[in-house]
Amino acid sequence: MTRLNLFLLALAMICSAAVVTSQHRARKAYGELQKEQEVARQLDVEWGQLQLEESTWAMHSRIEAEATTRLGMQMPGTPRTQVILPDGKAVGRTTVKDDPL
């Protein structure tokens, strides 16, 4: 009977140590998860800022202003402008001011 009690006591001690160890690991993993989620939130904010910056740099008015001031470019005159249709045919020499392409 004494052997059985000692065996059960040892088994209970081993189980309690295993529970403590697994709880410690779970808490540590949860802390790491919280840190990684915070990093993910920061990256999402940075991604949004980068998208906003990209849209600002890609604005048509900004590109046109850079082309005229920095590169000295200008809109071509009427005789040098053609409209190209999707089928590849050119339609006369007209201005393209209202063309969305």
Protein backbone atom coordinates (compact mmCIF):
# COMPACT_ATOMS: atom_id res chain seq x y z
CA MET A 1 0.00 0.00 0.00
CA THR A 2 2.84 2.38 0.83
CA ARG A 3 4.43 1.74 -2.56
CA LEU A 4 1.19 2.58 -4.30
CA ASN A 5 0.86 5.83 -2.34
CA LEU A 6 4.46 6.81 -3.18
CA PHE A 7 3.89 5.99 -6.84
CA LEU A 8 0.70 8.07 -6.94
CA LEU A 9 2.45 10.94 -5.13
CA ALA A 10 5.30 10.88 -7.68
CA LEU A 11 2.78 10.73 -10.52
CA ALA A 12 0.87 13.70 -9.09
CA MET A 13 4.13 15.69 -8.76
CA ILE A 14 5.10 14.93 -12.36
CA CYS A 15 1.65 15.91 -13.61
CA SER A 16 1.66 19.16 -11.63
CA ALA A 17 5.14 20.03 -13.00
CA ALA A 18 3.88 19.31 -16.52
CA VAL A 19 0.84 21.57 -15.99
CA VAL A 20 3.02 24.42 -14.69
CA THR A 21 5.43 24.02 -17.61
CA SER A 22 2.66 23.95 -20.21
CA GLN A 23 0.98 27.03 -18.66
CA HIS A 24 4.29 28.88 -18.71
CA ARG A 25 4.81 28.01 -22.38
CA ALA A 26 1.24 29.06 -23.23
CA ARG A 27 1.66 32.43 -21.50
CA LYS A 28 4.99 32.99 -23.22
CA ALA A 29 3.49 32.11 -26.61
CA TYR A 30 0.54 34.45 -25.93
CA GLY A 31 2.95 37.29 -25.14
CA GLU A 32 4.80 36.66 -28.41
CA LEU A 33 1.47 36.58 -30.26
CA GLN A 34 0.53 39.98 -28.80
CA LYS A 35 3.88 41.43 -29.90
CA GLU A 36 3.50 40.05 -33.43
CA GLN A 37 -0.06 41.39 -33.68
CA GLU A 38 1.23 44.84 -32.68
CA VAL A 39 3.92 44.62 -35.36
CA ALA A 40 1.24 43.60 -37.89
CA ARG A 41 -0.88 46.62 -36.90
CA GLN A 42 2.13 48.92 -37.33
CA LEU A 43 2.86 47.40 -40.74
CA ASP A 44 -0.77 47.92 -41.77
CA VAL A 45 -0.53 51.60 -40.79
CA GLU A 46 2.74 51.95 -42.70
CA TRP A 47 1.20 50.22 -45.74
CA GLY A 48 -1.71 52.66 -45.70
CA GLN A 49 0.69 55.59 -45.49
CA LEU A 50 2.72 54.23 -48.40
CA GLN A 51 -0.42 53.80 -50.51
CA LEU A 52 -1.41 57.39 -49.75
CA GLU A 53 2.06 58.59 -50.67
CA GLU A 54 1.99 56.57 -53.90
CA SER A 55 -1.37 58.03 -54.89
CA THR A 56 -0.05 61.52 -54.17
CA TRP A 57 3.04 60.98 -56.33
CA ALA A 58 0.94 59.46 -59.12
CA MET A 59 -1.63 62.27 -59.35
CA HIS A 60 -2.06 63.44 -62.93
CA SER A 61 -1.65 67.10 -62.02
CA ARG A 62 1.63 66.43 -60.19
CA ILE A 63 3.04 64.39 -63.06
CA GLU A 64 2.03 67.06 -65.54
CA ALA A 65 3.60 69.81 -63.40
CA GLU A 66 6.85 67.82 -63.08
CA ALA A 67 6.91 67.15 -66.82
CA THR A 68 6.54 70.82 -67.69
CA THR A 69 8.78 72.38 -65.04
CA ARG A 70 11.50 69.84 -64.48
CA LEU A 71 11.68 68.14 -67.87
CA GLY A 72 10.57 71.02 -70.07
CA MET A 73 7.87 68.93 -71.76
CA GLN A 74 4.71 70.38 -73.26
CA MET A 75 1.48 69.14 -74.81
CA PRO A 76 1.85 68.40 -78.53
CA GLY A 77 0.12 70.74 -80.93
CA THR A 78 -3.02 69.84 -82.85
CA PRO A 79 -1.21 68.78 -86.05
CA ARG A 80 0.86 66.25 -84.08
CA THR A 81 -2.02 64.59 -82.19
CA GLN A 82 -3.84 61.42 -83.30
CA VAL A 83 -6.50 59.27 -81.65
CA ILE A 84 -5.79 55.55 -81.85
CA LEU A 85 -8.85 53.32 -81.56
CA PRO A 86 -8.74 49.94 -79.78
CA ASP A 87 -8.73 48.13 -83.14
CA GLY A 88 -5.47 49.92 -84.01
CA LYS A 89 -6.82 52.34 -86.60
CA ALA A 90 -5.92 56.01 -86.36
CA VAL A 91 -8.71 58.55 -86.63
CA GLY A 92 -7.54 61.81 -88.24
CA ARG A 93 -5.46 64.39 -86.55
CA THR A 94 -7.52 65.62 -83.61
CA THR A 95 -6.77 66.70 -80.06
CA VAL A 96 -7.00 64.16 -77.26
CA LYS A 97 -8.02 66.45 -74.38
CA ASP A 98 -11.25 64.58 -73.59
CA ASP A 99 -9.82 61.10 -74.22
CA PRO A 100 -9.58 59.20 -70.87
CA LEU A 101 -6.67 57.12 -72.11
